[in-house]
Amino acid sequence: MSSTRTFESSIINAPCPKVWSKIRSMDFAWWRLVKKTAVTTGASSCEVGSCHKIDYSDGSSWTVRLCELSDIDHFLTYEVIASTEALPVTSAVHTIRLRRITASSETMVEWETIFSNDAGNPVIEDSRFKKLEAFKDLAAACTA
């Protein structure tokens, strides 16, 4: 089985620890597309294996499972395991990774999604657009 990947990146004008504090909790409070989140299983939002319900402003909801989290390398990986609406793909695994810009106090944010091979062009373009919008919201939250 093959897969389809999307990858977007952006520079945030804030130091890595500040940006990581926004990403690490997985509450997505910085992203205007997210209405609210809740941890549904696990002792904390940062526990690998914990599940989170993400309610979006369009009325849809996803349940995601945290697969990896590294405070040393500043990344987390989560997979979509359920949705209130049928998703147009069999699977989607997201990784958000931060990299320190050592010449300044900025942060590079990378967001990669690996989709199952049934992801069509509309899914890929929607994912790309949403990542770019998310970066704008994250930048605003980190500089506020």
N, C-alpha and C. Protein backbone atom coordinates (compact mmCIF):
# COMPACT_ATOMS: atom_id res chain seq x y z
N MET A 1 0.84 -1.18 0.00
CA MET A 1 0.00 0.00 0.00
C MET A 1 0.88 1.24 0.00
N SER A 2 0.59 2.16 -0.86
CA SER A 2 1.35 3.40 -0.92
C SER A 2 0.66 4.46 -0.09
N SER A 3 1.33 5.58 0.08
CA SER A 3 0.74 6.67 0.84
C SER A 3 1.03 7.99 0.14
N THR A 4 0.30 8.99 0.53
CA THR A 4 0.45 10.34 0.01
C THR A 4 0.84 11.24 1.17
N ARG A 5 1.81 12.07 0.97
CA ARG A 5 2.30 12.97 2.01
C ARG A 5 2.04 14.42 1.62
N THR A 6 1.73 15.21 2.62
CA THR A 6 1.74 16.66 2.44
C THR A 6 2.71 17.22 3.46
N PHE A 7 3.38 18.27 3.10
CA PHE A 7 4.36 18.90 3.97
C PHE A 7 4.31 20.39 3.76
N GLU A 8 4.19 21.11 4.86
CA GLU A 8 4.24 22.58 4.82
C GLU A 8 5.12 23.03 5.98
N SER A 9 5.72 24.20 5.81
CA SER A 9 6.55 24.76 6.88
C SER A 9 6.41 26.27 6.89
N SER A 10 6.78 26.84 8.04
CA SER A 10 6.70 28.28 8.20
C SER A 10 7.66 28.71 9.30
N ILE A 11 8.03 29.97 9.27
CA ILE A 11 8.87 30.56 10.31
C ILE A 11 7.96 31.38 11.23
N ILE A 12 8.07 31.10 12.53
CA ILE A 12 7.31 31.85 13.54
C ILE A 12 8.29 32.76 14.26
N ASN A 13 7.95 34.01 14.39
CA ASN A 13 8.82 34.99 15.04
C ASN A 13 8.65 34.91 16.56
N ALA A 14 9.07 33.77 17.10
CA ALA A 14 9.02 33.53 18.55
C ALA A 14 10.00 32.41 18.86
N PRO A 15 10.56 32.39 20.06
CA PRO A 15 11.51 31.33 20.40
C PRO A 15 10.82 29.97 20.50
N CYS A 16 11.59 28.94 20.25
CA CYS A 16 11.06 27.57 20.22
C CYS A 16 10.29 27.19 21.49
N PRO A 17 10.79 27.49 22.69
CA PRO A 17 10.02 27.10 23.89
C PRO A 17 8.62 27.71 23.93
N LYS A 18 8.47 28.93 23.46
CA LYS A 18 7.16 29.57 23.45
C LYS A 18 6.23 28.87 22.45
N VAL A 19 6.74 28.57 21.27
CA VAL A 19 5.92 27.90 20.26
C VAL A 19 5.58 26.49 20.73
N TRP A 20 6.55 25.79 21.32
CA TRP A 20 6.32 24.43 21.81
C TRP A 20 5.23 24.42 22.88
N SER A 21 5.18 25.43 23.71
CA SER A 21 4.15 25.49 24.76
C SER A 21 2.75 25.55 24.16
N LYS A 22 2.62 26.09 22.97
CA LYS A 22 1.32 26.15 22.28
C LYS A 22 0.97 24.80 21.65
N ILE A 23 1.96 24.14 21.06
CA ILE A 23 1.75 22.90 20.33
C ILE A 23 1.59 21.70 21.28
N ARG A 24 2.45 21.62 22.29
CA ARG A 24 2.59 20.43 23.14
C ARG A 24 1.30 19.98 23.79
N SER A 25 0.46 20.89 24.20
CA SER A 25 -0.76 20.53 24.94
C SER A 25 -1.82 19.86 24.07
N MET A 26 -1.68 19.99 22.77
CA MET A 26 -2.64 19.44 21.80
C MET A 26 -4.05 19.98 22.01
N ASP A 27 -4.16 21.18 22.57
CA ASP A 27 -5.51 21.76 22.71
C ASP A 27 -5.88 22.63 21.51
N PHE A 28 -4.91 22.93 20.67
CA PHE A 28 -5.12 23.70 19.44
C PHE A 28 -5.88 25.01 19.71
N ALA A 29 -5.74 25.55 20.92
CA ALA A 29 -6.44 26.79 21.28
C ALA A 29 -6.02 27.96 20.40
N TRP A 30 -4.88 27.88 19.79
CA TRP A 30 -4.34 28.93 18.93
C TRP A 30 -4.96 28.91 17.53
N TRP A 31 -5.66 27.86 17.17
CA TRP A 31 -6.15 27.68 15.80
C TRP A 31 -7.63 28.02 15.72
N ARG A 32 -7.98 28.99 14.92
CA ARG A 32 -9.36 29.46 14.86
C ARG A 32 -10.33 28.41 14.31
N LEU A 33 -9.86 27.40 13.60
CA LEU A 33 -10.74 26.34 13.09
C LEU A 33 -11.18 25.38 14.19
N VAL A 34 -10.49 25.39 15.32
CA VAL A 34 -10.82 24.49 16.43
C VAL A 34 -11.68 25.23 17.45
N LYS A 35 -12.83 24.65 17.72
CA LYS A 35 -13.77 25.23 18.69
C LYS A 35 -13.39 24.83 20.11
N LYS A 36 -13.12 23.53 20.32
CA LYS A 36 -12.68 23.06 21.64
C LYS A 36 -12.08 21.67 21.50
N THR A 37 -11.32 21.28 22.53
CA THR A 37 -10.74 19.94 22.58
C THR A 37 -10.93 19.38 23.98
N ALA A 38 -10.89 18.06 24.07
CA ALA A 38 -10.98 17.40 25.36
C ALA A 38 -10.20 16.10 25.30
N VAL A 39 -9.50 15.78 26.38
CA VAL A 39 -8.82 14.50 26.49
C VAL A 39 -9.88 13.46 26.85
N THR A 40 -9.99 12.40 26.06
CA THR A 40 -11.02 11.39 26.30
C THR A 40 -10.47 10.13 26.96
N THR A 41 -9.20 9.83 26.72
CA THR A 41 -8.53 8.73 27.43
C THR A 41 -7.10 9.14 27.70
N GLY A 42 -6.57 8.67 28.83
CA GLY A 42 -5.21 9.01 29.23
C GLY A 42 -5.21 9.92 30.42
N ALA A 43 -4.11 9.87 31.15
CA ALA A 43 -3.99 10.66 32.38
C ALA A 43 -3.78 12.14 32.10
N SER A 44 -3.17 12.46 30.95
CA SER A 44 -2.93 13.86 30.60
C SER A 44 -2.93 14.02 29.10
N SER A 45 -2.98 15.25 28.65
CA SER A 45 -3.00 15.52 27.21
C SER A 45 -1.68 15.15 26.54
N CYS A 46 -0.61 15.07 27.31
CA CYS A 46 0.71 14.81 26.75
C CYS A 46 1.14 13.35 26.88
N GLU A 47 0.26 12.50 27.38
CA GLU A 47 0.59 11.09 27.54
C GLU A 47 0.47 10.38 26.19
N VAL A 48 1.54 9.72 25.78
CA VAL A 48 1.49 8.95 24.54
C VAL A 48 0.43 7.87 24.68
N GLY A 49 -0.44 7.79 23.69
CA GLY A 49 -1.57 6.87 23.73
C GLY A 49 -2.87 7.54 24.13
N SER A 50 -2.77 8.77 24.66
CA SER A 50 -3.99 9.48 25.05
C SER A 50 -4.80 9.83 23.81
N CYS A 51 -6.11 9.88 23.98
CA CYS A 51 -7.01 10.25 22.88
C CYS A 51 -7.63 11.60 23.17
N HIS A 52 -7.82 12.37 22.11
CA HIS A 52 -8.33 13.73 22.21
C HIS A 52 -9.48 13.89 21.22
N LYS A 53 -10.54 14.50 21.69
CA LYS A 53 -11.64 14.85 20.79
C LYS A 53 -11.44 16.31 20.39
N ILE A 54 -11.42 16.55 19.09
CA ILE A 54 -11.25 17.90 18.56
C ILE A 54 -12.54 18.30 17.87
N ASP A 55 -13.19 19.33 18.39
CA ASP A 55 -14.42 19.86 17.78
C ASP A 55 -14.04 21.07 16.94
N TYR A 56 -14.40 21.01 15.66
CA TYR A 56 -14.08 22.09 14.73
C TYR A 56 -15.24 23.07 14.62
N SER A 57 -14.92 24.27 14.19
CA SER A 57 -15.94 25.32 14.09
C SER A 57 -16.99 25.02 13.03
N ASP A 58 -16.72 24.10 12.10
CA ASP A 58 -17.73 23.74 11.09
C ASP A 58 -18.70 22.67 11.59
N GLY A 59 -18.55 22.24 12.86
CA GLY A 59 -19.45 21.25 13.45
C GLY A 59 -18.92 19.83 13.42
N SER A 60 -17.86 19.58 12.70
CA SER A 60 -17.30 18.23 12.66
C SER A 60 -16.40 17.99 13.87
N SER A 61 -16.16 16.72 14.17
CA SER A 61 -15.29 16.34 15.28
C SER A 61 -14.41 15.18 14.85
N TRP A 62 -13.17 15.21 15.34
CA TRP A 62 -12.25 14.10 15.15
C TRP A 62 -11.84 13.59 16.52
N THR A 63 -11.56 12.31 16.58
CA THR A 63 -10.86 11.74 17.72
C THR A 63 -9.48 11.35 17.22
N VAL A 64 -8.46 11.81 17.93
CA VAL A 64 -7.08 11.53 17.53
C VAL A 64 -6.35 10.88 18.70
N ARG A 65 -5.35 10.07 18.36
CA ARG A 65 -4.52 9.43 19.38
C ARG A 65 -3.10 9.97 19.25
N LEU A 66 -2.54 10.41 20.39
CA LEU A 66 -1.15 10.88 20.42
C LEU A 66 -0.23 9.66 20.33
N CYS A 67 0.58 9.61 19.28
CA CYS A 67 1.46 8.47 19.03
C CYS A 67 2.88 8.69 19.52
N GLU A 68 3.36 9.92 19.41
CA GLU A 68 4.72 10.26 19.82
C GLU A 68 4.74 11.69 20.34
N LEU A 69 5.63 11.95 21.28
CA LEU A 69 5.85 13.31 21.77
C LEU A 69 7.26 13.39 22.30
N SER A 70 8.02 14.38 21.84
CA SER A 70 9.39 14.55 22.31
C SER A 70 9.62 15.99 22.75
N ASP A 71 9.91 16.17 24.02
CA ASP A 71 10.28 17.49 24.52
C ASP A 71 11.71 17.86 24.15
N ILE A 72 12.52 16.87 23.83
CA ILE A 72 13.90 17.13 23.42
C ILE A 72 13.93 17.59 21.96
N ASP A 73 13.25 16.86 21.10
CA ASP A 73 13.26 17.17 19.67
C ASP A 73 12.09 18.03 19.23
N HIS A 74 11.21 18.39 20.15
CA HIS A 74 10.08 19.29 19.89
C HIS A 74 9.20 18.83 18.72
N PHE A 75 8.64 17.64 18.86
CA PHE A 75 7.68 17.18 17.86
C PHE A 75 6.62 16.30 18.52
N LEU A 76 5.49 16.24 17.86
CA LEU A 76 4.45 15.30 18.26
C LEU A 76 3.81 14.71 17.01
N THR A 77 3.33 13.49 17.16
CA THR A 77 2.66 12.79 16.07
C THR A 77 1.34 12.27 16.59
N TYR A 78 0.29 12.48 15.80
CA TYR A 78 -1.03 11.95 16.18
C TYR A 78 -1.72 11.38 14.95
N GLU A 79 -2.60 10.42 15.20
CA GLU A 79 -3.35 9.82 14.11
C GLU A 79 -4.84 10.01 14.34
N VAL A 80 -5.57 10.19 13.26
CA VAL A 80 -7.02 10.31 13.33
C VAL A 80 -7.58 8.90 13.44
N ILE A 81 -8.37 8.65 14.50
CA ILE A 81 -8.93 7.31 14.69
C ILE A 81 -10.45 7.27 14.54
N ALA A 82 -11.11 8.43 14.57
CA ALA A 82 -12.56 8.47 14.38
C ALA A 82 -12.97 9.88 13.97
N SER A 83 -14.14 9.95 13.34
CA SER A 83 -14.67 11.24 12.91
C SER A 83 -16.18 11.17 12.92
N THR A 84 -16.82 12.32 13.22
CA THR A 84 -18.28 12.36 13.20
C THR A 84 -18.82 12.25 11.79
N GLU A 85 -18.03 12.67 10.83
CA GLU A 85 -18.41 12.56 9.42
C GLU A 85 -17.44 11.60 8.74
N ALA A 86 -17.90 10.92 7.73
CA ALA A 86 -17.03 10.01 7.00
C ALA A 86 -15.87 10.80 6.39
N LEU A 87 -14.66 10.34 6.64
CA LEU A 87 -13.49 10.99 6.07
C LEU A 87 -13.22 10.43 4.68
N PRO A 88 -12.70 11.26 3.80
CA PRO A 88 -12.43 10.79 2.43
C PRO A 88 -11.14 9.97 2.32
N VAL A 89 -10.53 9.61 3.44
CA VAL A 89 -9.31 8.80 3.45
C VAL A 89 -9.43 7.72 4.52
N THR A 90 -8.69 6.64 4.33
CA THR A 90 -8.69 5.55 5.30
C THR A 90 -7.88 5.90 6.53
N SER A 91 -6.77 6.63 6.33
CA SER A 91 -5.95 7.00 7.48
C SER A 91 -5.22 8.31 7.23
N ALA A 92 -4.91 8.98 8.35
CA ALA A 92 -4.14 10.23 8.31
C ALA A 92 -3.31 10.32 9.59
N VAL A 93 -2.00 10.45 9.42
CA VAL A 93 -1.07 10.58 10.54
C VAL A 93 -0.36 11.92 10.39
N HIS A 94 -0.46 12.76 11.41
CA HIS A 94 0.09 14.12 11.39
C HIS A 94 1.31 14.21 12.31
N THR A 95 2.34 14.91 11.85
CA THR A 95 3.50 15.22 12.69
C THR A 95 3.75 16.71 12.61
N ILE A 96 3.83 17.33 13.77
CA ILE A 96 4.20 18.74 13.87
C ILE A 96 5.55 18.78 14.57
N ARG A 97 6.53 19.39 13.90
CA ARG A 97 7.90 19.44 14.43
C ARG A 97 8.39 20.88 14.43
N LEU A 98 9.07 21.25 15.51
CA LEU A 98 9.66 22.58 15.62
C LEU A 98 11.18 22.47 15.53
N ARG A 99 11.77 23.46 14.91
CA ARG A 99 13.23 23.54 14.83
C ARG A 99 13.66 24.95 15.21
N ARG A 100 14.63 25.01 16.13
CA ARG A 100 15.16 26.31 16.53
C ARG A 100 15.92 26.94 15.38
N ILE A 101 15.72 28.23 15.18
CA ILE A 101 16.56 29.00 14.26
C ILE A 101 17.65 29.59 15.14
N THR A 102 18.86 29.09 15.00
CA THR A 102 19.92 29.46 15.95
C THR A 102 20.47 30.87 15.73
N ALA A 103 20.29 31.43 14.56
CA ALA A 103 20.80 32.78 14.29
C ALA A 103 19.85 33.87 14.79
N SER A 104 18.67 33.46 15.22
CA SER A 104 17.68 34.41 15.73
C SER A 104 16.85 33.70 16.78
N SER A 105 15.89 34.35 17.31
CA SER A 105 15.01 33.67 18.26
C SER A 105 13.69 33.32 17.59
N GLU A 106 13.79 32.78 16.37
CA GLU A 106 12.63 32.33 15.62
C GLU A 106 12.55 30.81 15.65
N THR A 107 11.43 30.30 15.16
CA THR A 107 11.20 28.86 15.14
C THR A 107 10.66 28.45 13.78
N MET A 108 11.20 27.39 13.24
CA MET A 108 10.64 26.80 12.03
C MET A 108 9.65 25.73 12.45
N VAL A 109 8.44 25.81 11.91
CA VAL A 109 7.40 24.82 12.18
C VAL A 109 7.20 24.00 10.92
N GLU A 110 7.25 22.69 11.07
CA GLU A 110 6.99 21.77 9.96
C GLU A 110 5.77 20.93 10.32
N TRP A 111 4.90 20.75 9.36
CA TRP A 111 3.70 19.93 9.58
C TRP A 111 3.56 18.98 8.41
N GLU A 112 3.71 17.72 8.70
CA GLU A 112 3.61 16.68 7.67
C GLU A 112 2.41 15.79 7.97
N THR A 113 1.68 15.43 6.94
CA THR A 113 0.60 14.47 7.07
C THR A 113 0.83 13.35 6.07
N ILE A 114 0.74 12.14 6.57
CA ILE A 114 0.83 10.96 5.72
C ILE A 114 -0.58 10.39 5.61
N PHE A 115 -1.11 10.41 4.41
CA PHE A 115 -2.45 9.88 4.14
C PHE A 115 -2.33 8.50 3.51
N SER A 116 -3.37 7.70 3.67
CA SER A 116 -3.47 6.45 2.93
C SER A 116 -3.57 6.76 1.44
N ASN A 117 -3.37 5.75 0.62
CA ASN A 117 -3.31 5.98 -0.83
C ASN A 117 -4.65 6.34 -1.46
N ASP A 118 -5.72 6.38 -0.68
CA ASP A 118 -7.01 6.78 -1.24
C ASP A 118 -7.26 8.29 -1.14
N ALA A 119 -6.25 9.03 -0.71
CA ALA A 119 -6.38 10.49 -0.62
C ALA A 119 -6.29 11.10 -2.01
N GLY A 120 -7.33 11.82 -2.40
CA GLY A 120 -7.36 12.47 -3.71
C GLY A 120 -6.85 13.90 -3.63
N ASN A 121 -6.79 14.54 -4.77
CA ASN A 121 -6.30 15.91 -4.86
C ASN A 121 -7.07 16.89 -3.96
N PRO A 122 -8.40 16.81 -3.88
CA PRO A 122 -9.10 17.74 -2.98
C PRO A 122 -8.66 17.61 -1.52
N VAL A 123 -8.40 16.40 -1.07
CA VAL A 123 -7.94 16.18 0.32
C VAL A 123 -6.56 16.80 0.51
N ILE A 124 -5.69 16.59 -0.45
CA ILE A 124 -4.32 17.12 -0.37
C ILE A 124 -4.34 18.65 -0.34
N GLU A 125 -5.10 19.25 -1.23
CA GLU A 125 -5.16 20.72 -1.28
C GLU A 125 -5.81 21.31 -0.03
N ASP A 126 -6.85 20.66 0.48
CA ASP A 126 -7.50 21.12 1.71
C ASP A 126 -6.52 21.05 2.88
N SER A 127 -5.78 19.97 2.97
CA SER A 127 -4.79 19.82 4.03
C SER A 127 -3.73 20.92 3.95
N ARG A 128 -3.26 21.17 2.75
CA ARG A 128 -2.25 22.22 2.55
C ARG A 128 -2.78 23.58 2.97
N PHE A 129 -3.98 23.92 2.52
CA PHE A 129 -4.57 25.21 2.85
C PHE A 129 -4.76 25.36 4.36
N LYS A 130 -5.26 24.32 5.01
CA LYS A 130 -5.49 24.39 6.46
C LYS A 130 -4.20 24.53 7.25
N LYS A 131 -3.14 23.88 6.81
CA LYS A 131 -1.85 24.04 7.48
C LYS A 131 -1.36 25.48 7.37
N LEU A 132 -1.45 26.05 6.18
CA LEU A 132 -0.99 27.43 6.00
C LEU A 132 -1.79 28.41 6.85
N GLU A 133 -3.10 28.20 6.95
CA GLU A 133 -3.94 29.03 7.82
C GLU A 133 -3.57 28.82 9.29
N ALA A 134 -3.31 27.57 9.66
CA ALA A 134 -2.92 27.26 11.04
C ALA A 134 -1.62 27.97 11.41
N PHE A 135 -0.66 28.01 10.49
CA PHE A 135 0.60 28.70 10.77
C PHE A 135 0.36 30.18 11.07
N LYS A 136 -0.53 30.81 10.33
CA LYS A 136 -0.85 32.22 10.59
C LYS A 136 -1.43 32.39 11.99
N ASP A 137 -2.35 31.51 12.36
CA ASP A 137 -2.96 31.59 13.68
C ASP A 137 -1.94 31.31 14.79
N LEU A 138 -1.05 30.34 14.56
CA LEU A 138 -0.02 30.03 15.54
C LEU A 138 0.93 31.21 15.72
N ALA A 139 1.31 31.84 14.62
CA ALA A 139 2.20 33.00 14.69
C ALA A 139 1.55 34.12 15.50
N ALA A 140 0.27 34.36 15.25
CA ALA A 140 -0.45 35.40 16.00
C ALA A 140 -0.50 35.07 17.48
N ALA A 141 -0.76 33.81 17.80
CA ALA A 141 -0.85 33.40 19.21
C ALA A 141 0.50 33.51 19.91
N CYS A 142 1.58 33.28 19.19
CA CYS A 142 2.92 33.32 19.79
C CYS A 142 3.48 34.72 19.92
N THR A 143 2.94 35.65 19.18
CA THR A 143 3.44 37.02 19.25
C THR A 143 2.49 37.95 20.00
N ALA A 144 1.38 37.40 20.47
CA ALA A 144 0.40 38.22 21.19
C ALA A 144 0.88 38.54 22.59
